Amino acid sequence: MPTVFLSYARADLPLIEQLEAQLKSHPDISIWRDQEKIYGGQKWPKVLGEAIADQDVFLLAWSKSAATSHFVEFEWRTALALKKTIVPCLLDGELVPDSFK
């Protein structure tokens, strides 16, 4: 079963919930999303880094909001450093970083 880390900006949450629902309709895909997996008191950089490392695919929901999010940047830079498969999902007309090219 492929596992997917879902990276997104909080401002895009309504779209992300729709995307996640569609992905979850496929029984062979397991989704890791922060709001469902991080709990109060946990050290989020450590938890995020471990989660990115543990998933098969890094799904980057990219938007203008994601482009300005320090959390999203931390996540995609971690995924690049770990040489994870990164799948960008473009939510608006914002261009993905040159680092992905």
N, C-alpha and C. Protein backbone atom coordinates (compact mmCIF):
# COMPACT_ATOMS: atom_id res chain seq x y z
N MET A 1 0.84 -1.17 0.00
CA MET A 1 0.00 0.00 0.00
C MET A 1 0.89 1.25 0.00
N PRO A 2 0.78 2.11 -1.02
CA PRO A 2 1.59 3.33 -1.02
C PRO A 2 1.13 4.29 0.08
N THR A 3 2.11 4.93 0.71
CA THR A 3 1.81 5.91 1.75
C THR A 3 2.21 7.29 1.24
N VAL A 4 1.38 8.29 1.57
CA VAL A 4 1.55 9.63 1.03
C VAL A 4 1.59 10.65 2.16
N PHE A 5 2.63 11.50 2.16
CA PHE A 5 2.69 12.64 3.07
C PHE A 5 2.05 13.81 2.34
N LEU A 6 1.06 14.43 2.93
CA LEU A 6 0.33 15.53 2.30
C LEU A 6 0.81 16.85 2.90
N SER A 7 1.49 17.65 2.06
CA SER A 7 2.02 18.95 2.47
C SER A 7 1.16 20.05 1.86
N TYR A 8 0.76 21.03 2.68
CA TYR A 8 -0.15 22.07 2.21
C TYR A 8 -0.09 23.28 3.14
N ALA A 9 -0.59 24.40 2.67
CA ALA A 9 -0.73 25.59 3.50
C ALA A 9 -2.10 25.56 4.16
N ARG A 10 -2.16 25.97 5.38
CA ARG A 10 -3.41 25.94 6.15
C ARG A 10 -4.52 26.73 5.45
N ALA A 11 -4.16 27.80 4.73
CA ALA A 11 -5.17 28.60 4.02
C ALA A 11 -5.89 27.80 2.94
N ASP A 12 -5.27 26.72 2.48
CA ASP A 12 -5.85 25.88 1.42
C ASP A 12 -6.65 24.70 1.98
N LEU A 13 -6.90 24.68 3.26
CA LEU A 13 -7.53 23.53 3.91
C LEU A 13 -8.82 23.04 3.24
N PRO A 14 -9.74 23.93 2.83
CA PRO A 14 -10.95 23.40 2.18
C PRO A 14 -10.65 22.56 0.93
N LEU A 15 -9.70 23.00 0.11
CA LEU A 15 -9.31 22.21 -1.07
C LEU A 15 -8.60 20.93 -0.66
N ILE A 16 -7.78 21.02 0.37
CA ILE A 16 -7.02 19.86 0.83
C ILE A 16 -7.95 18.78 1.36
N GLU A 17 -8.99 19.19 2.07
CA GLU A 17 -9.95 18.20 2.57
C GLU A 17 -10.64 17.48 1.43
N GLN A 18 -10.93 18.19 0.34
CA GLN A 18 -11.53 17.54 -0.84
C GLN A 18 -10.53 16.59 -1.48
N LEU A 19 -9.29 17.03 -1.63
CA LEU A 19 -8.24 16.19 -2.22
C LEU A 19 -8.02 14.94 -1.37
N GLU A 20 -7.94 15.13 -0.07
CA GLU A 20 -7.73 13.99 0.83
C GLU A 20 -8.89 13.00 0.74
N ALA A 21 -10.11 13.50 0.67
CA ALA A 21 -11.28 12.62 0.56
C ALA A 21 -11.20 11.78 -0.71
N GLN A 22 -10.78 12.40 -1.80
CA GLN A 22 -10.66 11.65 -3.06
C GLN A 22 -9.56 10.60 -2.95
N LEU A 23 -8.43 10.97 -2.36
CA LEU A 23 -7.34 10.01 -2.20
C LEU A 23 -7.75 8.85 -1.29
N LYS A 24 -8.49 9.15 -0.23
CA LYS A 24 -8.92 8.11 0.71
C LYS A 24 -9.98 7.19 0.11
N SER A 25 -10.58 7.61 -1.00
CA SER A 25 -11.56 6.73 -1.64
C SER A 25 -10.88 5.54 -2.32
N HIS A 26 -9.56 5.62 -2.46
CA HIS A 26 -8.77 4.51 -3.00
C HIS A 26 -8.23 3.71 -1.81
N PRO A 27 -8.72 2.51 -1.59
CA PRO A 27 -8.35 1.75 -0.39
C PRO A 27 -6.87 1.38 -0.32
N ASP A 28 -6.16 1.49 -1.44
CA ASP A 28 -4.74 1.11 -1.44
C ASP A 28 -3.81 2.27 -1.13
N ILE A 29 -4.34 3.44 -0.78
CA ILE A 29 -3.52 4.61 -0.49
C ILE A 29 -3.72 5.01 0.97
N SER A 30 -2.61 5.21 1.66
CA SER A 30 -2.66 5.68 3.05
C SER A 30 -2.11 7.11 3.08
N ILE A 31 -2.85 8.02 3.73
CA ILE A 31 -2.49 9.44 3.76
C ILE A 31 -1.98 9.83 5.15
N TRP A 32 -0.88 10.59 5.18
CA TRP A 32 -0.39 11.19 6.42
C TRP A 32 -0.60 12.69 6.30
N ARG A 33 -1.44 13.25 7.19
CA ARG A 33 -1.68 14.70 7.21
C ARG A 33 -1.52 15.20 8.63
N ASP A 34 -0.87 16.33 8.77
CA ASP A 34 -0.49 16.84 10.10
C ASP A 34 -1.64 16.93 11.09
N GLN A 35 -2.77 17.47 10.70
CA GLN A 35 -3.87 17.67 11.65
C GLN A 35 -4.39 16.36 12.24
N GLU A 36 -4.16 15.28 11.54
CA GLU A 36 -4.62 13.98 12.03
C GLU A 36 -3.53 13.20 12.76
N LYS A 37 -2.28 13.65 12.65
CA LYS A 37 -1.17 12.84 13.16
C LYS A 37 -0.27 13.54 14.19
N ILE A 38 -0.35 14.86 14.33
CA ILE A 38 0.49 15.56 15.30
C ILE A 38 -0.39 15.97 16.48
N TYR A 39 0.11 15.72 17.67
CA TYR A 39 -0.65 16.00 18.88
C TYR A 39 0.08 17.04 19.74
N GLY A 40 -0.65 17.71 20.60
CA GLY A 40 -0.08 18.72 21.47
C GLY A 40 1.10 18.18 22.27
N GLY A 41 2.13 19.00 22.38
CA GLY A 41 3.30 18.61 23.15
C GLY A 41 4.39 17.91 22.34
N GLN A 42 4.06 17.47 21.13
CA GLN A 42 5.08 16.82 20.30
C GLN A 42 5.98 17.87 19.66
N LYS A 43 7.21 17.50 19.40
CA LYS A 43 8.15 18.39 18.72
C LYS A 43 7.90 18.25 17.22
N TRP A 44 7.16 19.23 16.67
CA TRP A 44 6.68 19.07 15.30
C TRP A 44 7.78 18.93 14.26
N PRO A 45 8.94 19.62 14.33
CA PRO A 45 9.94 19.39 13.28
C PRO A 45 10.40 17.93 13.23
N LYS A 46 10.59 17.34 14.40
CA LYS A 46 11.02 15.94 14.47
C LYS A 46 9.93 15.02 13.91
N VAL A 47 8.68 15.25 14.33
CA VAL A 47 7.57 14.42 13.88
C VAL A 47 7.40 14.54 12.37
N LEU A 48 7.46 15.77 11.85
CA LEU A 48 7.31 15.97 10.40
C LEU A 48 8.44 15.29 9.63
N GLY A 49 9.67 15.48 10.09
CA GLY A 49 10.82 14.86 9.41
C GLY A 49 10.71 13.35 9.37
N GLU A 50 10.32 12.75 10.48
CA GLU A 50 10.16 11.29 10.54
C GLU A 50 9.02 10.84 9.63
N ALA A 51 7.92 11.60 9.62
CA ALA A 51 6.78 11.24 8.78
C ALA A 51 7.13 11.32 7.30
N ILE A 52 7.85 12.36 6.92
CA ILE A 52 8.26 12.49 5.51
C ILE A 52 9.16 11.32 5.13
N ALA A 53 10.10 10.98 6.02
CA ALA A 53 11.01 9.87 5.75
C ALA A 53 10.28 8.55 5.64
N ASP A 54 9.21 8.37 6.42
CA ASP A 54 8.50 7.10 6.47
C ASP A 54 7.51 6.87 5.33
N GLN A 55 7.10 7.95 4.63
CA GLN A 55 6.09 7.80 3.58
C GLN A 55 6.77 7.54 2.23
N ASP A 56 6.06 6.90 1.33
CA ASP A 56 6.60 6.59 0.01
C ASP A 56 6.66 7.81 -0.90
N VAL A 57 5.64 8.65 -0.80
CA VAL A 57 5.48 9.78 -1.72
C VAL A 57 5.21 11.05 -0.92
N PHE A 58 5.77 12.16 -1.40
CA PHE A 58 5.53 13.47 -0.81
C PHE A 58 4.64 14.23 -1.78
N LEU A 59 3.38 14.45 -1.41
CA LEU A 59 2.42 15.16 -2.26
C LEU A 59 2.38 16.61 -1.80
N LEU A 60 2.86 17.50 -2.66
CA LEU A 60 2.95 18.91 -2.35
C LEU A 60 1.79 19.66 -3.00
N ALA A 61 0.84 20.11 -2.18
CA ALA A 61 -0.27 20.92 -2.67
C ALA A 61 0.26 22.35 -2.77
N TRP A 62 0.56 22.78 -3.99
CA TRP A 62 1.26 24.05 -4.20
C TRP A 62 0.29 25.16 -4.59
N SER A 63 0.47 26.30 -3.95
CA SER A 63 -0.39 27.46 -4.18
C SER A 63 0.37 28.71 -3.77
N LYS A 64 -0.26 29.86 -3.96
CA LYS A 64 0.34 31.11 -3.49
C LYS A 64 0.54 31.06 -1.98
N SER A 65 -0.40 30.49 -1.28
CA SER A 65 -0.27 30.37 0.18
C SER A 65 0.86 29.43 0.55
N ALA A 66 0.99 28.33 -0.16
CA ALA A 66 2.07 27.37 0.12
C ALA A 66 3.44 27.99 -0.14
N ALA A 67 3.51 28.83 -1.18
CA ALA A 67 4.78 29.47 -1.54
C ALA A 67 5.30 30.39 -0.45
N THR A 68 4.41 30.90 0.40
CA THR A 68 4.83 31.81 1.47
C THR A 68 4.83 31.15 2.85
N SER A 69 4.53 29.87 2.91
CA SER A 69 4.46 29.16 4.19
C SER A 69 5.83 28.60 4.58
N HIS A 70 6.32 29.00 5.75
CA HIS A 70 7.60 28.47 6.25
C HIS A 70 7.49 26.97 6.55
N PHE A 71 6.32 26.54 7.00
CA PHE A 71 6.13 25.12 7.30
C PHE A 71 6.19 24.28 6.02
N VAL A 72 5.50 24.74 4.98
CA VAL A 72 5.53 24.01 3.70
C VAL A 72 6.96 23.98 3.16
N GLU A 73 7.67 25.10 3.26
CA GLU A 73 9.06 25.12 2.78
C GLU A 73 9.91 24.13 3.56
N PHE A 74 9.75 24.09 4.87
CA PHE A 74 10.49 23.12 5.69
C PHE A 74 10.21 21.70 5.21
N GLU A 75 8.93 21.42 4.93
CA GLU A 75 8.55 20.08 4.51
C GLU A 75 9.14 19.71 3.15
N TRP A 76 9.00 20.60 2.14
CA TRP A 76 9.51 20.21 0.82
C TRP A 76 11.03 20.16 0.79
N ARG A 77 11.68 21.03 1.56
CA ARG A 77 13.15 20.96 1.62
C ARG A 77 13.60 19.66 2.29
N THR A 78 12.86 19.23 3.30
CA THR A 78 13.16 17.95 3.96
C THR A 78 12.97 16.80 2.97
N ALA A 79 11.88 16.84 2.21
CA ALA A 79 11.62 15.80 1.21
C ALA A 79 12.72 15.76 0.16
N LEU A 80 13.19 16.93 -0.28
CA LEU A 80 14.29 16.97 -1.25
C LEU A 80 15.55 16.36 -0.65
N ALA A 81 15.87 16.75 0.58
CA ALA A 81 17.08 16.24 1.24
C ALA A 81 17.03 14.73 1.40
N LEU A 82 15.82 14.20 1.63
CA LEU A 82 15.66 12.75 1.80
C LEU A 82 15.48 12.01 0.47
N LYS A 83 15.53 12.78 -0.64
CA LYS A 83 15.38 12.21 -1.98
C LYS A 83 14.06 11.45 -2.15
N LYS A 84 13.00 12.03 -1.57
CA LYS A 84 11.67 11.43 -1.69
C LYS A 84 11.08 11.74 -3.07
N THR A 85 10.18 10.91 -3.53
CA THR A 85 9.42 11.20 -4.74
C THR A 85 8.46 12.33 -4.39
N ILE A 86 8.58 13.45 -5.12
CA ILE A 86 7.73 14.61 -4.86
C ILE A 86 6.75 14.77 -6.01
N VAL A 87 5.47 14.80 -5.66
CA VAL A 87 4.42 14.98 -6.66
C VAL A 87 3.74 16.32 -6.37
N PRO A 88 3.98 17.33 -7.24
CA PRO A 88 3.29 18.61 -7.02
C PRO A 88 1.86 18.56 -7.52
N CYS A 89 0.97 19.13 -6.74
CA CYS A 89 -0.44 19.26 -7.10
C CYS A 89 -0.71 20.77 -7.11
N LEU A 90 -0.86 21.34 -8.31
CA LEU A 90 -0.99 22.79 -8.44
C LEU A 90 -2.42 23.22 -8.16
N LEU A 91 -2.59 24.05 -7.14
CA LEU A 91 -3.92 24.49 -6.73
C LEU A 91 -4.33 25.80 -7.40
N ASP A 92 -3.35 26.56 -7.83
CA ASP A 92 -3.62 27.82 -8.53
C ASP A 92 -2.48 28.06 -9.52
N GLY A 93 -2.28 29.27 -9.95
CA GLY A 93 -1.28 29.55 -10.99
C GLY A 93 0.14 29.75 -10.48
N GLU A 94 0.37 29.53 -9.19
CA GLU A 94 1.70 29.73 -8.62
C GLU A 94 2.67 28.68 -9.18
N LEU A 95 3.85 29.16 -9.61
CA LEU A 95 4.88 28.25 -10.15
C LEU A 95 5.62 27.55 -9.02
N VAL A 96 5.96 26.29 -9.25
CA VAL A 96 6.72 25.54 -8.25
C VAL A 96 8.14 26.07 -8.19
N PRO A 97 8.83 25.89 -7.07
CA PRO A 97 10.20 26.38 -6.94
C PRO A 97 11.14 25.76 -7.98
N ASP A 98 12.16 26.52 -8.36
CA ASP A 98 13.15 26.02 -9.33
C ASP A 98 13.84 24.76 -8.82
N SER A 99 13.88 24.57 -7.52
CA SER A 99 14.54 23.39 -6.93
C SER A 99 13.95 22.07 -7.43
N PHE A 100 12.70 22.10 -7.90
CA PHE A 100 12.05 20.89 -8.37
C PHE A 100 12.36 20.56 -9.81
N LYS A 101 12.98 21.49 -10.50
CA LYS A 101 13.22 21.29 -11.94
C LYS A 101 14.49 20.52 -12.19
